[in-house]
C-alpha atoms as a PDB file:
ATOM      1  CA  UNK A   1      43.510 123.930 134.315  1.00  0.00           C
ATOM      2  CA  UNK A   2      41.940 120.479 134.116  1.00  0.00           C
ATOM      3  CA  UNK A   3      44.066 117.826 132.477  1.00  0.00           C
ATOM      4  CA  UNK A   4      42.329 115.437 130.067  1.00  0.00           C
ATOM      5  CA  UNK A   5      44.509 112.721 128.545  1.00  0.00           C
ATOM      6  CA  UNK A   6      42.223 112.399 125.500  1.00  0.00           C
ATOM      7  CA  UNK A   7      41.876 116.119 124.799  1.00  0.00           C
ATOM      8  CA  UNK A   8      44.730 117.714 122.801  1.00  0.00           C
ATOM      9  CA  UNK A   9      46.968 120.277 124.472  1.00  0.00           C
ATOM     10  CA  UNK A  10      47.189 123.408 122.317  1.00  0.00           C
ATOM     11  CA  UNK A  11      50.481 125.286 122.284  1.00  0.00           C
ATOM     12  CA  UNK A  12      51.995 128.084 120.227  1.00  0.00           C
ATOM     13  CA  UNK A  13      55.393 127.876 118.520  1.00  0.00           C
ATOM     14  CA  UNK A  14      57.883 130.591 117.653  1.00  0.00           C
ATOM     15  CA  UNK A  15      61.458 130.253 116.434  1.00  0.00           C
ATOM     16  CA  UNK A  16      63.393 131.658 113.519  1.00  0.00           C
ATOM     17  CA  UNK A  17      65.896 128.809 113.799  1.00  0.00           C
ATOM     18  CA  UNK A  18      63.993 125.627 114.622  1.00  0.00           C
ATOM     19  CA  UNK A  19      61.745 123.559 112.372  1.00  0.00           C
ATOM     20  CA  UNK A  20      58.022 124.028 113.070  1.00  0.00           C
ATOM     21  CA  UNK A  21      57.073 120.994 110.979  1.00  0.00           C
ATOM     22  CA  UNK A  22      59.434 118.630 112.779  1.00  0.00           C
ATOM     23  CA  UNK A  23      58.180 119.725 116.180  1.00  0.00           C
ATOM     24  CA  UNK A  24      54.567 119.626 115.021  1.00  0.00           C
ATOM     25  CA  UNK A  25      54.909 116.003 113.892  1.00  0.00           C
ATOM     26  CA  UNK A  26      56.694 114.859 117.048  1.00  0.00           C
ATOM     27  CA  UNK A  27      54.267 116.583 119.421  1.00  0.00           C
ATOM     28  CA  UNK A  28      51.194 115.319 117.593  1.00  0.00           C
ATOM     29  CA  UNK A  29      52.231 111.770 118.528  1.00  0.00           C
ATOM     30  CA  UNK A  30      51.825 112.847 122.146  1.00  0.00           C
ATOM     31  CA  UNK A  31      48.444 114.526 121.627  1.00  0.00           C
ATOM     32  CA  UNK A  32      49.904 118.032 121.614  1.00  0.00           C
ATOM     33  CA  UNK A  33      48.739 120.330 118.807  1.00  0.00           C
ATOM     34  CA  UNK A  34      51.259 122.934 117.728  1.00  0.00           C
ATOM     35  CA  UNK A  35      50.350 126.231 116.056  1.00  0.00           C
ATOM     36  CA  UNK A  36      52.825 128.542 114.372  1.00  0.00           C
ATOM     37  CA  UNK A  37      52.915 132.218 115.340  1.00  0.00           C
ATOM     38  CA  UNK A  38      52.055 134.494 113.594  1.00  0.00           C
ATOM     39  CA  UNK A  39      50.950 132.433 110.568  1.00  0.00           C
ATOM     40  CA  UNK A  40      48.164 130.488 112.287  1.00  0.00           C
ATOM     41  CA  UNK A  41      46.605 133.417 114.118  1.00  0.00           C
ATOM     42  CA  UNK A  42      44.748 136.656 113.440  1.00  0.00           C
ATOM     43  CA  UNK A  43      46.592 139.677 114.770  1.00  0.00           C
ATOM     44  CA  UNK A  44      43.956 141.231 117.031  1.00  0.00           C
ATOM     45  CA  UNK A  45      42.275 138.058 118.293  1.00  0.00           C
ATOM     46  CA  UNK A  46      42.837 136.360 121.633  1.00  0.00           C
ATOM     47  CA  UNK A  47      43.116 132.599 121.912  1.00  0.00           C
ATOM     48  CA  UNK A  48      42.239 131.251 125.342  1.00  0.00           C
ATOM     49  CA  UNK A  49      42.558 127.654 124.133  1.00  0.00           C
ATOM     50  CA  UNK A  50      46.353 128.080 123.808  1.00  0.00           C
ATOM     51  CA  UNK A  51      47.809 127.083 127.173  1.00  0.00           C
ATOM     52  CA  UNK A  52      51.472 126.575 126.366  1.00  0.00           C
ATOM     53  CA  UNK A  53      54.351 127.854 124.249  1.00  0.00           C
ATOM     54  CA  UNK A  54      57.423 126.297 122.650  1.00  0.00           C
ATOM     55  CA  UNK A  55      59.791 129.147 121.789  1.00  0.00           C
ATOM     56  CA  UNK A  56      63.199 130.517 121.000  1.00  0.00           C
ATOM     57  CA  UNK A  57      63.646 134.296 121.279  1.00  0.00           C
ATOM     58  CA  UNK A  58      59.938 135.198 121.058  1.00  0.00           C
ATOM     59  CA  UNK A  59      58.946 138.818 120.317  1.00  0.00           C
ATOM     60  CA  UNK A  60      57.081 140.705 123.040  1.00  0.00           C
ATOM     61  CA  UNK A  61      54.057 141.230 120.794  1.00  0.00           C
ATOM     62  CA  UNK A  62      53.426 137.507 120.550  1.00  0.00           C
ATOM     63  CA  UNK A  63      52.053 137.178 124.058  1.00  0.00           C
ATOM     64  CA  UNK A  64      49.193 139.651 123.457  1.00  0.00           C
ATOM     65  CA  UNK A  65      47.221 136.930 121.659  1.00  0.00           C
ATOM     66  CA  UNK A  66      47.472 134.383 124.458  1.00  0.00           C
ATOM     67  CA  UNK A  67      46.111 135.311 127.907  1.00  0.00           C
ATOM     68  CA  UNK A  68      46.010 131.718 129.180  1.00  0.00           C
ATOM     69  CA  UNK A  69      49.630 130.559 128.857  1.00  0.00           C
ATOM     70  CA  UNK A  70      50.564 128.236 131.719  1.00  0.00           C
ATOM     71  CA  UNK A  71      53.859 126.733 130.519  1.00  0.00           C
ATOM     72  CA  UNK A  72      56.605 128.217 128.332  1.00  0.00           C
ATOM     73  CA  UNK A  73      59.076 125.592 127.132  1.00  0.00           C
ATOM     74  CA  UNK A  74      62.419 126.964 125.969  1.00  0.00           C
ATOM     75  CA  UNK A  75      63.884 125.510 122.776  1.00  0.00           C
ATOM     76  CA  UNK A  76      67.351 125.863 124.268  1.00  0.00           C
ATOM     77  CA  UNK A  77      69.186 125.104 127.481  1.00  0.00           C
ATOM     78  CA  UNK A  78      69.318 128.825 128.266  1.00  0.00           C
ATOM     79  CA  UNK A  79      66.271 130.941 129.074  1.00  0.00           C
ATOM     80  CA  UNK A  80      67.709 134.462 128.912  1.00  0.00           C
ATOM     81  CA  UNK A  81      65.976 134.887 125.528  1.00  0.00           C
ATOM     82  CA  UNK A  82      62.694 134.737 127.458  1.00  0.00           C
ATOM     83  CA  UNK A  83      63.557 136.369 130.767  1.00  0.00           C
ATOM     84  CA  UNK A  84      65.105 139.500 129.238  1.00  0.00           C
ATOM     85  CA  UNK A  85      61.855 140.319 127.450  1.00  0.00           C
ATOM     86  CA  UNK A  86      58.198 140.681 128.304  1.00  0.00           C
ATOM     87  CA  UNK A  87      56.484 137.375 129.059  1.00  0.00           C
ATOM     88  CA  UNK A  88      53.336 136.248 130.901  1.00  0.00           C
ATOM     89  CA  UNK A  89      54.366 136.607 134.541  1.00  0.00           C
ATOM     90  CA  UNK A  90      52.058 133.831 135.733  1.00  0.00           C
ATOM     91  CA  UNK A  91      53.544 131.333 133.296  1.00  0.00           C
ATOM     92  CA  UNK A  92      56.019 128.656 134.326  1.00  0.00           C
ATOM     93  CA  UNK A  93      59.233 128.751 132.289  1.00  0.00           C
ATOM     94  CA  UNK A  94      60.843 125.407 131.551  1.00  0.00           C
ATOM     95  CA  UNK A  95      64.455 125.015 130.458  1.00  0.00           C
ATOM     96  CA  UNK A  96      65.384 122.380 127.905  1.00  0.00           C
ATOM     97  CA  UNK A  97      66.985 119.315 129.451  1.00  0.00           C
ATOM     98  CA  UNK A  98      67.421 116.831 126.629  1.00  0.00           C
ATOM     99  CA  UNK A  99      70.052 114.049 126.477  1.00  0.00           C
ATOM    100  CA  UNK A 100      70.488 114.708 122.758  1.00  0.00           C
ATOM    101  CA  UNK A 101      71.461 118.341 123.394  1.00  0.00           C
ATOM    102  CA  UNK A 102      73.643 117.451 126.387  1.00  0.00           C
ATOM    103  CA  UNK A 103      75.519 114.821 124.378  1.00  0.00           C
ATOM    104  CA  UNK A 104      76.171 117.272 121.552  1.00  0.00           C
ATOM    105  CA  UNK A 105      77.555 119.904 123.915  1.00  0.00           C
ATOM    106  CA  UNK A 106      79.709 117.347 125.699  1.00  0.00           C
ATOM    107  CA  UNK A 107      81.090 116.162 122.365  1.00  0.00           C
ATOM    108  CA  UNK A 108      81.903 119.759 121.373  1.00  0.00           C
ATOM    109  CA  UNK A 109      83.618 120.406 124.702  1.00  0.00           C
ATOM    110  CA  UNK A 110      85.784 117.293 124.415  1.00  0.00           C
ATOM    111  CA  UNK A 111      86.719 118.318 120.858  1.00  0.00           C
ATOM    112  CA  UNK A 112      87.658 121.807 122.062  1.00  0.00           C
ATOM    113  CA  UNK A 113      89.687 120.563 125.031  1.00  0.00           C
ATOM    114  CA  UNK A 114      91.640 118.145 122.846  1.00  0.00           C
ATOM    115  CA  UNK A 115      92.294 120.870 120.262  1.00  0.00           C
ATOM    116  CA  UNK A 116      93.839 122.996 123.005  1.00  0.00           C
ATOM    117  CA  UNK A 117      95.677 120.219 124.748  1.00  0.00           C
ATOM    118  CA  UNK A 118      97.132 118.848 121.475  1.00  0.00           C
ATOM    119  CA  UNK A 119      98.269 122.370 120.483  1.00  0.00           C
ATOM    120  CA  UNK A 120      95.955 123.082 117.561  1.00  0.00           C
ATOM    121  CA  UNK A 121      96.716 126.816 117.614  1.00  0.00           C
ATOM    122  CA  UNK A 122     100.467 126.302 117.529  1.00  0.00           C
ATOM    123  CA  UNK A 123     100.189 123.874 114.611  1.00  0.00           C
ATOM    124  CA  UNK A 124      97.862 126.255 112.751  1.00  0.00           C
ATOM    125  CA  UNK A 125     100.598 128.889 113.021  1.00  0.00           C
ATOM    126  CA  UNK A 126     103.184 126.365 111.842  1.00  0.00           C
ATOM    127  CA  UNK A 127     101.062 125.535 108.808  1.00  0.00           C
ATOM    128  CA  UNK A 128     100.846 129.209 107.887  1.00  0.00           C
ATOM    129  CA  UNK A 129     104.638 129.507 108.166  1.00  0.00           C
ATOM    130  CA  UNK A 130     105.260 126.147 106.431  1.00  0.00           C
ATOM    131  CA  UNK A 131     107.126 125.038 109.540  1.00  0.00           C
ATOM    132  CA  UNK A 132     107.571 121.342 110.383  1.00  0.00           C
ATOM    133  CA  UNK A 133     107.885 121.293 114.158  1.00  0.00           C
ATOM    134  CA  UNK A 134     106.791 118.569 116.544  1.00  0.00           C
ATOM    135  CA  UNK A 135     105.397 119.738 119.882  1.00  0.00           C
ATOM    136  CA  UNK A 136     104.934 117.684 123.025  1.00  0.00           C
ATOM    137  CA  UNK A 137     101.555 118.106 124.747  1.00  0.00           C
ATOM    138  CA  UNK A 138     101.056 117.897 128.483  1.00  0.00           C
ATOM    139  CA  UNK A 139      99.577 114.654 129.743  1.00  0.00           C
ATOM    140  CA  UNK A 140      95.928 114.879 130.748  1.00  0.00           C
ATOM    141  CA  UNK A 141      96.566 114.987 134.497  1.00  0.00           C
ATOM    142  CA  UNK A 142      98.818 118.024 134.107  1.00  0.00           C
ATOM    143  CA  UNK A 143      96.415 119.811 131.754  1.00  0.00           C
ATOM    144  CA  UNK A 144      94.273 121.186 134.562  1.00  0.00           C
ATOM    145  CA  UNK A 145      90.771 122.359 133.644  1.00  0.00           C
ATOM    146  CA  UNK A 146      88.445 124.718 135.507  1.00  0.00           C
ATOM    147  CA  UNK A 147      84.772 124.472 134.585  1.00  0.00           C
ATOM    148  CA  UNK A 148      82.399 127.322 135.427  1.00  0.00           C
ATOM    149  CA  UNK A 149      78.836 126.119 135.992  1.00  0.00           C
ATOM    150  CA  UNK A 150      77.322 122.982 137.454  1.00  0.00           C
ATOM    151  CA  UNK A 151      74.073 122.390 135.588  1.00  0.00           C
ATOM    152  CA  UNK A 152      73.015 119.182 133.847  1.00  0.00           C
ATOM    153  CA  UNK A 153      75.238 119.739 130.815  1.00  0.00           C
ATOM    154  CA  UNK A 154      78.245 120.627 132.967  1.00  0.00           C
ATOM    155  CA  UNK A 155      77.800 117.434 134.991  1.00  0.00           C
ATOM    156  CA  UNK A 156      77.953 115.323 131.833  1.00  0.00           C
ATOM    157  CA  UNK A 157      80.979 117.272 130.571  1.00  0.00           C
ATOM    158  CA  UNK A 158      82.767 116.762 133.898  1.00  0.00           C
ATOM    159  CA  UNK A 159      82.026 113.037 133.895  1.00  0.00           C
ATOM    160  CA  UNK A 160      83.431 112.547 130.404  1.00  0.00           C
ATOM    161  CA  UNK A 161      86.544 114.677 130.953  1.00  0.00           C
ATOM    162  CA  UNK A 162      87.295 112.867 134.217  1.00  0.00           C
ATOM    163  CA  UNK A 163      86.981 109.561 132.342  1.00  0.00           C
ATOM    164  CA  UNK A 164      89.719 110.827 130.008  1.00  0.00           C
ATOM    165  CA  UNK A 165      91.933 111.466 133.017  1.00  0.00           C
ATOM    166  CA  UNK A 166      91.746 115.257 133.138  1.00  0.00           C
ATOM    167  CA  UNK A 167      92.327 117.150 136.370  1.00  0.00           C
ATOM    168  CA  UNK A 168      89.116 119.135 137.048  1.00  0.00           C
ATOM    169  CA  UNK A 169      88.116 122.116 139.176  1.00  0.00           C
ATOM    170  CA  UNK A 170      84.472 123.195 139.262  1.00  0.00           C
ATOM    171  CA  UNK A 171      83.092 126.600 140.213  1.00  0.00           C
ATOM    172  CA  UNK A 172      79.478 127.708 140.622  1.00  0.00           C
ATOM    173  CA  UNK A 173      77.555 130.430 142.445  1.00  0.00           C
ATOM    174  CA  UNK A 174      75.745 127.892 144.632  1.00  0.00           C
ATOM    175  CA  UNK A 175      77.198 126.199 147.710  1.00  0.00           C
ATOM    176  CA  UNK A 176      77.209 122.405 147.450  1.00  0.00           C
ATOM    177  CA  UNK A 177      78.888 119.524 149.256  1.00  0.00           C
ATOM    178  CA  UNK A 178      80.306 117.310 146.517  1.00  0.00           C
ATOM    179  CA  UNK A 179      82.486 114.220 146.751  1.00  0.00           C
ATOM    180  CA  UNK A 180      85.391 113.453 144.409  1.00  0.00           C
ATOM    181  CA  UNK A 181      85.283 116.973 142.865  1.00  0.00           C
ATOM    182  CA  UNK A 182      87.277 120.059 143.824  1.00  0.00           C
ATOM    183  CA  UNK A 183      84.339 122.400 144.082  1.00  0.00           C
ATOM    184  CA  UNK A 184      84.448 126.162 144.590  1.00  0.00           C
ATOM    185  CA  UNK A 185      81.485 128.491 144.988  1.00  0.00           C
ATOM    186  CA  UNK A 186      80.628 132.141 145.224  1.00  0.00           C
ATOM    187  CA  UNK A 187      82.421 135.224 143.970  1.00  0.00           C
ATOM    188  CA  UNK A 188      85.084 135.002 146.682  1.00  0.00           C
ATOM    189  CA  UNK A 189      86.251 131.546 145.560  1.00  0.00           C
ATOM    190  CA  UNK A 190      86.227 132.164 141.794  1.00  0.00           C
ATOM    191  CA  UNK A 191      89.877 133.182 141.557  1.00  0.00           C
ATOM    192  CA  UNK A 192      91.033 130.263 143.697  1.00  0.00           C
ATOM    193  CA  UNK A 193      89.373 127.892 141.240  1.00  0.00           C
ATOM    194  CA  UNK A 194      91.353 129.366 138.317  1.00  0.00           C
ATOM    195  CA  UNK A 195      94.893 129.299 139.669  1.00  0.00           C
ATOM    196  CA  UNK A 196      97.302 126.969 137.848  1.00  0.00           C
ATOM    197  CA  UNK A 197      94.679 125.925 135.308  1.00  0.00           C
ATOM    198  CA  UNK A 198      95.591 125.350 131.658  1.00  0.00           C
ATOM    199  CA  UNK A 199      92.026 125.566 130.366  1.00  0.00           C
ATOM    200  CA  UNK A 200      88.980 127.553 131.449  1.00  0.00           C
ATOM    201  CA  UNK A 201      85.595 126.325 130.230  1.00  0.00           C
ATOM    202  CA  UNK A 202      82.454 128.406 130.734  1.00  0.00           C
ATOM    203  CA  UNK A 203      79.039 126.777 130.781  1.00  0.00           C
ATOM    204  CA  UNK A 204      77.483 129.650 132.690  1.00  0.00           C
ATOM    205  CA  UNK A 205      73.994 131.007 131.999  1.00  0.00           C
ATOM    206  CA  UNK A 206      73.376 134.687 131.328  1.00  0.00           C
ATOM    207  CA  UNK A 207      72.181 136.199 134.622  1.00  0.00           C
ATOM    208  CA  UNK A 208      72.745 139.374 136.645  1.00  0.00           C
ATOM    209  CA  UNK A 209      75.392 137.536 138.683  1.00  0.00           C
ATOM    210  CA  UNK A 210      77.312 136.192 135.695  1.00  0.00           C
ATOM    211  CA  UNK A 211      77.411 139.277 133.435  1.00  0.00           C
ATOM    212  CA  UNK A 212      81.078 139.981 132.538  1.00  0.00           C
ATOM    213  CA  UNK A 213      82.191 137.646 135.315  1.00  0.00           C
ATOM    214  CA  UNK A 214      85.116 136.534 133.128  1.00  0.00           C
ATOM    215  CA  UNK A 215      87.714 139.086 132.070  1.00  0.00           C
ATOM    216  CA  UNK A 216      91.381 140.005 132.018  1.00  0.00           C
ATOM    217  CA  UNK A 217      91.850 139.561 135.759  1.00  0.00           C
ATOM    218  CA  UNK A 218      90.582 135.975 135.488  1.00  0.00           C
ATOM    219  CA  UNK A 219      92.629 135.145 132.381  1.00  0.00           C
ATOM    220  CA  UNK A 220      95.839 136.322 134.094  1.00  0.00           C
ATOM    221  CA  UNK A 221      95.352 133.731 136.855  1.00  0.00           C
ATOM    222  CA  UNK A 222      95.656 130.868 134.372  1.00  0.00           C
ATOM    223  CA  UNK A 223      98.922 129.183 133.393  1.00  0.00           C
ATOM    224  CA  UNK A 224     101.334 130.810 130.944  1.00  0.00           C
ATOM    225  CA  UNK A 225     100.033 128.463 128.238  1.00  0.00           C
ATOM    226  CA  UNK A 226      96.282 128.693 128.701  1.00  0.00           C
ATOM    227  CA  UNK A 227      93.038 128.422 126.779  1.00  0.00           C
ATOM    228  CA  UNK A 228      89.462 129.637 127.092  1.00  0.00           C
ATOM    229  CA  UNK A 229      86.407 127.743 125.838  1.00  0.00           C
ATOM    230  CA  UNK A 230      82.949 129.328 125.992  1.00  0.00           C
ATOM    231  CA  UNK A 231      79.799 127.356 125.211  1.00  0.00           C
ATOM    232  CA  UNK A 232      77.660 129.047 127.871  1.00  0.00           C
ATOM    233  CA  UNK A 233      76.628 132.621 127.069  1.00  0.00           C
ATOM    234  CA  UNK A 234      78.510 135.493 125.456  1.00  0.00           C
ATOM    235  CA  UNK A 235      77.458 138.097 128.037  1.00  0.00           C
ATOM    236  CA  UNK A 236      79.391 136.274 130.763  1.00  0.00           C
ATOM    237  CA  UNK A 237      82.670 137.445 129.175  1.00  0.00           C
ATOM    238  CA  UNK A 238      84.088 140.947 128.815  1.00  0.00           C
ATOM    239  CA  UNK A 239      84.697 140.826 125.056  1.00  0.00           C
ATOM    240  CA  UNK A 240      87.162 143.739 124.941  1.00  0.00           C
ATOM    241  CA  UNK A 241      89.279 142.082 127.614  1.00  0.00           C
ATOM    242  CA  UNK A 242      89.064 138.737 125.814  1.00  0.00           C
ATOM    243  CA  UNK A 243      90.413 140.389 122.656  1.00  0.00           C
ATOM    244  CA  UNK A 244      93.214 142.045 124.662  1.00  0.00           C
ATOM    245  CA  UNK A 245      94.136 138.722 126.288  1.00  0.00           C
ATOM    246  CA  UNK A 246      94.329 136.980 122.907  1.00  0.00           C
ATOM    247  CA  UNK A 247      96.280 139.802 121.240  1.00  0.00           C
ATOM    248  CA  UNK A 248      98.830 139.878 124.046  1.00  0.00           C
ATOM    249  CA  UNK A 249      99.086 136.075 124.423  1.00  0.00           C
ATOM    250  CA  UNK A 250      97.779 136.168 127.970  1.00  0.00           C
ATOM    251  CA  UNK A 251      95.612 133.469 126.448  1.00  0.00           C
ATOM    252  CA  UNK A 252      97.298 131.083 124.029  1.00  0.00           C
ATOM    253  CA  UNK A 253      94.012 130.466 122.277  1.00  0.00           C
ATOM    254  CA  UNK A 254      90.239 130.474 122.595  1.00  0.00           C
ATOM    255  CA  UNK A 255      87.396 128.398 121.200  1.00  0.00           C
ATOM    256  CA  UNK A 256      84.191 130.419 121.280  1.00  0.00           C
ATOM    257  CA  UNK A 257      80.684 129.311 120.307  1.00  0.00           C
ATOM    258  CA  UNK A 258      78.609 132.088 121.917  1.00  0.00           C
ATOM    259  CA  UNK A 259      78.835 135.874 121.686  1.00  0.00           C
ATOM    260  CA  UNK A 260      77.323 139.019 123.183  1.00  0.00           C
ATOM    261  CA  UNK A 261      75.510 139.750 119.924  1.00  0.00           C
ATOM    262  CA  UNK A 262      74.642 137.044 117.421  1.00  0.00           C
ATOM    263  CA  UNK A 263      75.247 136.635 114.574  1.00  0.00           C
ATOM    264  CA  UNK A 264      78.751 137.962 115.188  1.00  0.00           C
ATOM    265  CA  UNK A 265      79.198 141.141 113.163  1.00  0.00           C
ATOM    266  CA  UNK A 266      81.601 140.637 110.253  1.00  0.00           C
ATOM    267  CA  UNK A 267      83.550 143.720 111.392  1.00  0.00           C
ATOM    268  CA  UNK A 268      84.043 142.364 114.910  1.00  0.00           C
ATOM    269  CA  UNK A 269      87.724 142.306 115.848  1.00  0.00           C
ATOM    270  CA  UNK A 270      87.504 138.678 116.955  1.00  0.00           C
ATOM    271  CA  UNK A 271      87.398 137.590 113.304  1.00  0.00           C
ATOM    272  CA  UNK A 272      90.855 139.091 112.746  1.00  0.00           C
ATOM    273  CA  UNK A 273      92.623 137.124 115.460  1.00  0.00           C
ATOM    274  CA  UNK A 274      94.617 134.050 114.500  1.00  0.00           C
ATOM    275  CA  UNK A 275      94.477 132.367 117.902  1.00  0.00           C
ATOM    276  CA  UNK A 276      90.709 131.979 118.086  1.00  0.00           C
ATOM    277  CA  UNK A 277      88.437 129.277 116.715  1.00  0.00           C
ATOM    278  CA  UNK A 278      84.903 130.580 116.140  1.00  0.00           C
ATOM    279  CA  UNK A 279      81.737 128.538 115.667  1.00  0.00           C
ATOM    280  CA  UNK A 280      78.223 130.008 115.141  1.00  0.00           C
ATOM    281  CA  UNK A 281      76.421 128.819 118.311  1.00  0.00           C
ATOM    282  CA  UNK A 282      76.335 125.180 117.218  1.00  0.00           C
ATOM    283  CA  UNK A 283      77.869 123.397 120.229  1.00  0.00           C
ATOM    284  CA  UNK A 284      74.380 122.015 120.779  1.00  0.00           C
ATOM    285  CA  UNK A 285      71.608 122.202 118.212  1.00  0.00           C
ATOM    286  CA  UNK A 286      68.071 121.525 119.431  1.00  0.00           C
ATOM    287  CA  UNK A 287      66.375 118.644 117.636  1.00  0.00           C
ATOM    288  CA  UNK A 288      62.710 117.672 117.857  1.00  0.00           C
ATOM    289  CA  UNK A 289      62.788 114.637 120.155  1.00  0.00           C
ATOM    290  CA  UNK A 290      60.291 112.349 121.837  1.00  0.00           C
ATOM    291  CA  UNK A 291      62.115 112.947 125.115  1.00  0.00           C
ATOM    292  CA  UNK A 292      61.169 116.646 125.124  1.00  0.00           C
ATOM    293  CA  UNK A 293      57.627 115.896 123.931  1.00  0.00           C
ATOM    294  CA  UNK A 294      57.087 113.447 126.809  1.00  0.00           C
ATOM    295  CA  UNK A 295      58.451 115.910 129.368  1.00  0.00           C
ATOM    296  CA  UNK A 296      56.233 118.684 128.029  1.00  0.00           C
ATOM    297  CA  UNK A 297      53.136 116.508 128.279  1.00  0.00           C
ATOM    298  CA  UNK A 298      54.154 115.351 131.752  1.00  0.00           C
ATOM    299  CA  UNK A 299      54.538 118.947 132.904  1.00  0.00           C
ATOM    300  CA  UNK A 300      51.024 119.826 131.741  1.00  0.00           C
ATOM    301  CA  UNK A 301      49.727 116.856 133.709  1.00  0.00           C
ATOM    302  CA  UNK A 302      51.740 117.886 136.772  1.00  0.00           C
ATOM    303  CA  UNK A 303      50.500 121.458 136.489  1.00  0.00           C
ATOM    304  CA  UNK A 304      46.868 120.324 136.449  1.00  0.00           C
ATOM    305  CA  UNK A 305      47.502 118.212 139.557  1.00  0.00           C
ATOM    306  CA  UNK A 306      49.460 120.937 141.402  1.00  0.00           C
ATOM    307  CA  UNK A 307      52.607 118.827 141.308  1.00  0.00           C
ATOM    308  CA  UNK A 308      56.200 119.964 140.838  1.00  0.00           C
ATOM    309  CA  UNK A 309      57.192 120.790 137.268  1.00  0.00           C
ATOM    310  CA  UNK A 310      60.344 119.257 135.826  1.00  0.00           C
ATOM    311  CA  UNK A 311      63.161 121.637 134.818  1.00  0.00           C
ATOM    312  CA  UNK A 312      61.274 124.702 136.018  1.00  0.00           C
ATOM    313  CA  UNK A 313      63.292 127.927 135.996  1.00  0.00           C
ATOM    314  CA  UNK A 314      63.716 130.030 139.103  1.00  0.00           C
ATOM    315  CA  UNK A 315      63.106 133.430 137.494  1.00  0.00           C
ATOM    316  CA  UNK A 316      64.799 135.213 140.416  1.00  0.00           C
ATOM    317  CA  UNK A 317      68.055 133.364 139.654  1.00  0.00           C
ATOM    318  CA  UNK A 318      67.681 133.203 135.882  1.00  0.00           C
ATOM    319  CA  UNK A 319      68.182 129.446 135.555  1.00  0.00           C
END
């Protein structure tokens, strides 16, 4: 594909959650023309001029119209919504790495940690019982946190929590040599990373290696007063075992933003529990930003020049 800085890049858009008009206006400033699927296309036609896609949870049938897709940009930090379906196998999948999204998710995580550390769940129970009772929280150094995942968002979360004086463990599947961080890796070191922790935070992607990686066995390794925060992916947690842990106070409380099936069914047992705080996948909401538009344009240029693409997904790993 020959890159021409004056010729518009044509890409297709699909999302039931994100604003087409906002993205269209932002991208047009960068000479990228956005077309909405299926509204802007005829069902049985093929469109070879469309060389990219900007999507969240695209249907399989969408790709039939576009035989020349080179780059698929995810509208979220995760890419399981693409990888678990049919997609053009020759296309490069790009995960969203946007400071705006990272800042939102870091803010949410700090909020959640402070809710747990300052005993939100205990006070919520006291309110229900009309009980005036002052509780003493642990200091930050003694409120040990284990974070699962070490992607770009996790790195920002770790930085901010360390600045608040929290004691941090980090676990990931990949071996790394890190300074000033207690880092664990691989399945064999997962349980070691959890011992004596007051709070477990998952930022894990949804992959074959992470499916149901968190369950009752992991929750039991945490401190007697312990909390679970999930802003990664719902499929990384065994939901039945999460419910059991909350019902039997193996976990003191949980703050959950992501679920195995979304929206969360109104009959799901999680809604009935008093020691859970549920949010509807809003820890980070994707906004149309110039940062993403510039990266998308840069990746098309890099592709045409056979250069490395930024934030490219390794489809064998799933992230």
